[in-house]
């Protein structure tokens, strides 16, 4: 068995959630949250921020740790046991640009219920539920500070 660790983010801007559409050679298709593999010497936070930036182009900051999802999948001659550490993140804008090299063909910010129904994997839906509940809680307590938009002409 191969053990793998990834980190990712539930990125929110003005109440909307950033998701990516992956189309890998028409074998694997679906909407996912941005995530990727921890590189040597990286913290989980550094990995999550790097992967969000690489896969979506979004500039985000970590608000808090959300939790871990675990699953297994098969590769030729082996099984991968994977854990993904998730962080709630705040973006600075609606900007996103899918990373074509990783077979992402679309990305965008969607209302919670839209993002939830778009997501392909149930474990990512569970993480989205948890992260969005935390976002709403922070917002109600006036602790979610959306960055100010630059003024026109700046």
C-alpha atoms as a PDB file:
ATOM      1  CA  UNK A   1       0.000   0.000   0.000  1.00  0.00           C
ATOM      2  CA  UNK A   2       1.183   3.516  -0.849  1.00  0.00           C
ATOM      3  CA  UNK A   3       0.516   6.298   1.648  1.00  0.00           C
ATOM      4  CA  UNK A   4       0.003   9.805   0.275  1.00  0.00           C
ATOM      5  CA  UNK A   5      -0.711  13.162   1.896  1.00  0.00           C
ATOM      6  CA  UNK A   6      -2.274  16.150   0.179  1.00  0.00           C
ATOM      7  CA  UNK A   7      -3.571  19.520   1.320  1.00  0.00           C
ATOM      8  CA  UNK A   8      -6.212  21.771  -0.139  1.00  0.00           C
ATOM      9  CA  UNK A   9      -8.526  24.669   0.387  1.00  0.00           C
ATOM     10  CA  UNK A  10     -12.161  25.618   0.484  1.00  0.00           C
ATOM     11  CA  UNK A  11     -11.703  29.103  -0.969  1.00  0.00           C
ATOM     12  CA  UNK A  12     -14.495  31.638  -0.399  1.00  0.00           C
ATOM     13  CA  UNK A  13     -14.954  35.143  -1.754  1.00  0.00           C
ATOM     14  CA  UNK A  14     -18.121  37.102  -0.970  1.00  0.00           C
ATOM     15  CA  UNK A  15     -19.935  33.931   0.050  1.00  0.00           C
ATOM     16  CA  UNK A  16     -19.095  31.976  -3.088  1.00  0.00           C
ATOM     17  CA  UNK A  17     -16.923  28.847  -3.276  1.00  0.00           C
ATOM     18  CA  UNK A  18     -14.095  28.189  -5.749  1.00  0.00           C
ATOM     19  CA  UNK A  19     -14.284  24.853  -7.585  1.00  0.00           C
ATOM     20  CA  UNK A  20     -12.393  23.329 -10.530  1.00  0.00           C
ATOM     21  CA  UNK A  21     -13.505  21.118 -13.400  1.00  0.00           C
ATOM     22  CA  UNK A  22     -11.034  18.387 -14.311  1.00  0.00           C
ATOM     23  CA  UNK A  23     -11.142  16.441 -17.556  1.00  0.00           C
ATOM     24  CA  UNK A  24      -8.320  13.901 -17.735  1.00  0.00           C
ATOM     25  CA  UNK A  25      -8.253  12.375 -21.234  1.00  0.00           C
ATOM     26  CA  UNK A  26     -12.027  11.832 -21.005  1.00  0.00           C
ATOM     27  CA  UNK A  27     -11.382   9.079 -18.405  1.00  0.00           C
ATOM     28  CA  UNK A  28     -11.843  11.210 -15.325  1.00  0.00           C
ATOM     29  CA  UNK A  29     -14.234  14.110 -15.280  1.00  0.00           C
ATOM     30  CA  UNK A  30     -15.737  16.156 -12.513  1.00  0.00           C
ATOM     31  CA  UNK A  31     -15.759  19.205 -10.261  1.00  0.00           C
ATOM     32  CA  UNK A  32     -13.288  19.188  -7.353  1.00  0.00           C
ATOM     33  CA  UNK A  33     -11.810  21.430  -4.683  1.00  0.00           C
ATOM     34  CA  UNK A  34      -8.190  22.521  -5.228  1.00  0.00           C
ATOM     35  CA  UNK A  35      -5.651  20.241  -3.532  1.00  0.00           C
ATOM     36  CA  UNK A  36      -2.294  18.630  -4.099  1.00  0.00           C
ATOM     37  CA  UNK A  37       0.645  16.659  -2.763  1.00  0.00           C
ATOM     38  CA  UNK A  38       2.879  17.848   0.055  1.00  0.00           C
ATOM     39  CA  UNK A  39       6.417  18.473  -1.196  1.00  0.00           C
ATOM     40  CA  UNK A  40       9.487  17.708   0.968  1.00  0.00           C
ATOM     41  CA  UNK A  41      10.042  20.374   3.615  1.00  0.00           C
ATOM     42  CA  UNK A  42       6.606  21.955   3.182  1.00  0.00           C
ATOM     43  CA  UNK A  43       4.088  22.471   5.969  1.00  0.00           C
ATOM     44  CA  UNK A  44       0.472  21.530   5.333  1.00  0.00           C
ATOM     45  CA  UNK A  45      -0.422  25.235   5.242  1.00  0.00           C
ATOM     46  CA  UNK A  46       2.283  25.984   2.650  1.00  0.00           C
ATOM     47  CA  UNK A  47       1.121  23.067   0.499  1.00  0.00           C
ATOM     48  CA  UNK A  48      -2.531  24.149   0.620  1.00  0.00           C
ATOM     49  CA  UNK A  49      -1.697  27.753  -0.325  1.00  0.00           C
ATOM     50  CA  UNK A  50       0.683  26.672  -3.112  1.00  0.00           C
ATOM     51  CA  UNK A  51      -1.766  24.171  -4.596  1.00  0.00           C
ATOM     52  CA  UNK A  52      -4.664  26.651  -4.566  1.00  0.00           C
ATOM     53  CA  UNK A  53      -2.435  29.216  -6.310  1.00  0.00           C
ATOM     54  CA  UNK A  54      -1.080  26.709  -8.872  1.00  0.00           C
ATOM     55  CA  UNK A  55      -4.381  25.035  -9.729  1.00  0.00           C
ATOM     56  CA  UNK A  56      -6.649  28.094  -9.720  1.00  0.00           C
ATOM     57  CA  UNK A  57      -4.466  31.202  -9.914  1.00  0.00           C
ATOM     58  CA  UNK A  58      -6.376  32.523  -6.889  1.00  0.00           C
ATOM     59  CA  UNK A  59      -4.567  34.500  -4.223  1.00  0.00           C
ATOM     60  CA  UNK A  60      -5.941  33.224  -0.923  1.00  0.00           C
ATOM     61  CA  UNK A  61      -5.094  33.284   2.762  1.00  0.00           C
ATOM     62  CA  UNK A  62      -5.799  30.618   5.364  1.00  0.00           C
ATOM     63  CA  UNK A  63      -8.520  31.387   7.874  1.00  0.00           C
ATOM     64  CA  UNK A  64      -8.432  28.085   9.767  1.00  0.00           C
ATOM     65  CA  UNK A  65      -7.889  24.337   9.599  1.00  0.00           C
ATOM     66  CA  UNK A  66     -11.078  22.444   8.739  1.00  0.00           C
ATOM     67  CA  UNK A  67     -10.124  18.791   9.017  1.00  0.00           C
ATOM     68  CA  UNK A  68      -8.901  15.745   7.166  1.00  0.00           C
ATOM     69  CA  UNK A  69     -10.569  13.437   4.657  1.00  0.00           C
ATOM     70  CA  UNK A  70      -9.262   9.931   4.010  1.00  0.00           C
ATOM     71  CA  UNK A  71      -9.871   7.561   1.129  1.00  0.00           C
ATOM     72  CA  UNK A  72      -8.218   4.831  -0.903  1.00  0.00           C
ATOM     73  CA  UNK A  73      -7.981   4.295  -4.637  1.00  0.00           C
ATOM     74  CA  UNK A  74      -6.355   1.773  -6.947  1.00  0.00           C
ATOM     75  CA  UNK A  75      -3.407   2.324  -9.235  1.00  0.00           C
ATOM     76  CA  UNK A  76      -1.820  -0.421 -11.356  1.00  0.00           C
ATOM     77  CA  UNK A  77      -0.416  -3.112  -8.986  1.00  0.00           C
ATOM     78  CA  UNK A  78      -1.172  -1.177  -5.785  1.00  0.00           C
ATOM     79  CA  UNK A  79      -3.602   0.706  -3.557  1.00  0.00           C
ATOM     80  CA  UNK A  80      -3.106   4.329  -2.471  1.00  0.00           C
ATOM     81  CA  UNK A  81      -4.204   5.278   1.048  1.00  0.00           C
ATOM     82  CA  UNK A  82      -4.628   9.044   0.917  1.00  0.00           C
ATOM     83  CA  UNK A  83      -5.305  11.700   3.498  1.00  0.00           C
ATOM     84  CA  UNK A  84      -6.121  15.288   2.570  1.00  0.00           C
ATOM     85  CA  UNK A  85      -5.820  18.141   5.078  1.00  0.00           C
ATOM     86  CA  UNK A  86      -8.276  20.945   4.355  1.00  0.00           C
ATOM     87  CA  UNK A  87      -8.203  24.636   5.179  1.00  0.00           C
ATOM     88  CA  UNK A  88     -10.879  27.320   5.014  1.00  0.00           C
ATOM     89  CA  UNK A  89      -9.448  30.134   2.891  1.00  0.00           C
ATOM     90  CA  UNK A  90     -10.410  33.661   1.969  1.00  0.00           C
ATOM     91  CA  UNK A  91      -9.721  34.917  -1.539  1.00  0.00           C
ATOM     92  CA  UNK A  92      -8.972  38.493  -2.552  1.00  0.00           C
ATOM     93  CA  UNK A  93     -11.188  38.477  -5.662  1.00  0.00           C
ATOM     94  CA  UNK A  94     -13.295  36.329  -7.989  1.00  0.00           C
ATOM     95  CA  UNK A  95     -10.238  35.759 -10.199  1.00  0.00           C
ATOM     96  CA  UNK A  96      -9.405  32.177 -11.146  1.00  0.00           C
ATOM     97  CA  UNK A  97      -7.580  30.541 -14.038  1.00  0.00           C
ATOM     98  CA  UNK A  98      -7.606  26.728 -14.247  1.00  0.00           C
ATOM     99  CA  UNK A  99      -4.212  25.029 -14.542  1.00  0.00           C
ATOM    100  CA  UNK A 100      -4.348  23.340 -17.969  1.00  0.00           C
ATOM    101  CA  UNK A 101      -1.213  21.228 -17.309  1.00  0.00           C
ATOM    102  CA  UNK A 102      -3.153  19.426 -14.565  1.00  0.00           C
ATOM    103  CA  UNK A 103      -6.151  18.902 -16.897  1.00  0.00           C
ATOM    104  CA  UNK A 104      -8.312  21.567 -15.261  1.00  0.00           C
ATOM    105  CA  UNK A 105     -10.507  23.023 -17.986  1.00  0.00           C
ATOM    106  CA  UNK A 106     -12.790  25.323 -15.978  1.00  0.00           C
ATOM    107  CA  UNK A 107     -12.933  27.060 -12.625  1.00  0.00           C
ATOM    108  CA  UNK A 108     -15.177  29.534 -10.906  1.00  0.00           C
ATOM    109  CA  UNK A 109     -16.900  30.752  -7.787  1.00  0.00           C
ATOM    110  CA  UNK A 110     -20.341  29.305  -7.147  1.00  0.00           C
ATOM    111  CA  UNK A 111     -23.043  29.746  -4.542  1.00  0.00           C
ATOM    112  CA  UNK A 112     -22.744  27.149  -1.777  1.00  0.00           C
ATOM    113  CA  UNK A 113     -25.636  24.932  -2.940  1.00  0.00           C
ATOM    114  CA  UNK A 114     -24.374  25.024  -6.536  1.00  0.00           C
ATOM    115  CA  UNK A 115     -20.815  24.109  -5.532  1.00  0.00           C
ATOM    116  CA  UNK A 116     -22.112  21.356  -3.257  1.00  0.00           C
ATOM    117  CA  UNK A 117     -24.097  19.723  -6.069  1.00  0.00           C
ATOM    118  CA  UNK A 118     -21.291  20.170  -8.602  1.00  0.00           C
ATOM    119  CA  UNK A 119     -18.667  18.380  -6.485  1.00  0.00           C
ATOM    120  CA  UNK A 120     -17.935  14.836  -7.652  1.00  0.00           C
ATOM    121  CA  UNK A 121     -16.776  13.266  -4.376  1.00  0.00           C
ATOM    122  CA  UNK A 122     -18.823  12.838  -1.199  1.00  0.00           C
ATOM    123  CA  UNK A 123     -15.792  13.428   1.050  1.00  0.00           C
ATOM    124  CA  UNK A 124     -15.256  16.838  -0.589  1.00  0.00           C
ATOM    125  CA  UNK A 125     -18.966  17.626  -0.121  1.00  0.00           C
ATOM    126  CA  UNK A 126     -18.560  16.852   3.608  1.00  0.00           C
ATOM    127  CA  UNK A 127     -15.522  19.144   3.852  1.00  0.00           C
ATOM    128  CA  UNK A 128     -17.416  21.889   1.998  1.00  0.00           C
ATOM    129  CA  UNK A 129     -20.328  21.555   4.467  1.00  0.00           C
ATOM    130  CA  UNK A 130     -17.992  21.874   7.433  1.00  0.00           C
ATOM    131  CA  UNK A 131     -16.002  24.765   5.929  1.00  0.00           C
ATOM    132  CA  UNK A 132     -19.094  26.712   4.878  1.00  0.00           C
ATOM    133  CA  UNK A 133     -20.696  26.308   8.305  1.00  0.00           C
ATOM    134  CA  UNK A 134     -17.487  27.728   9.801  1.00  0.00           C
ATOM    135  CA  UNK A 135     -17.537  30.595   7.287  1.00  0.00           C
ATOM    136  CA  UNK A 136     -21.159  31.445   8.215  1.00  0.00           C
ATOM    137  CA  UNK A 137     -20.307  31.311  11.916  1.00  0.00           C
ATOM    138  CA  UNK A 138     -17.349  33.683  11.444  1.00  0.00           C
ATOM    139  CA  UNK A 139     -19.464  35.994   9.280  1.00  0.00           C
ATOM    140  CA  UNK A 140     -22.251  36.145  11.892  1.00  0.00           C
ATOM    141  CA  UNK A 141     -19.643  37.075  14.513  1.00  0.00           C
ATOM    142  CA  UNK A 142     -18.233  39.780  12.190  1.00  0.00           C
ATOM    143  CA  UNK A 143     -14.916  37.907  12.092  1.00  0.00           C
ATOM    144  CA  UNK A 144     -14.898  37.294   8.328  1.00  0.00           C
ATOM    145  CA  UNK A 145     -13.123  40.313   6.909  1.00  0.00           C
ATOM    146  CA  UNK A 146     -13.526  40.535   3.133  1.00  0.00           C
ATOM    147  CA  UNK A 147     -10.621  42.476   1.622  1.00  0.00           C
ATOM    148  CA  UNK A 148     -11.631  45.854   0.213  1.00  0.00           C
ATOM    149  CA  UNK A 149     -11.916  46.178  -3.543  1.00  0.00           C
ATOM    150  CA  UNK A 150      -9.406  48.646  -5.011  1.00  0.00           C
ATOM    151  CA  UNK A 151     -11.024  51.897  -6.097  1.00  0.00           C
ATOM    152  CA  UNK A 152     -11.373  52.537  -9.821  1.00  0.00           C
ATOM    153  CA  UNK A 153      -8.347  54.449 -11.029  1.00  0.00           C
ATOM    154  CA  UNK A 154      -5.993  53.098  -8.337  1.00  0.00           C
END
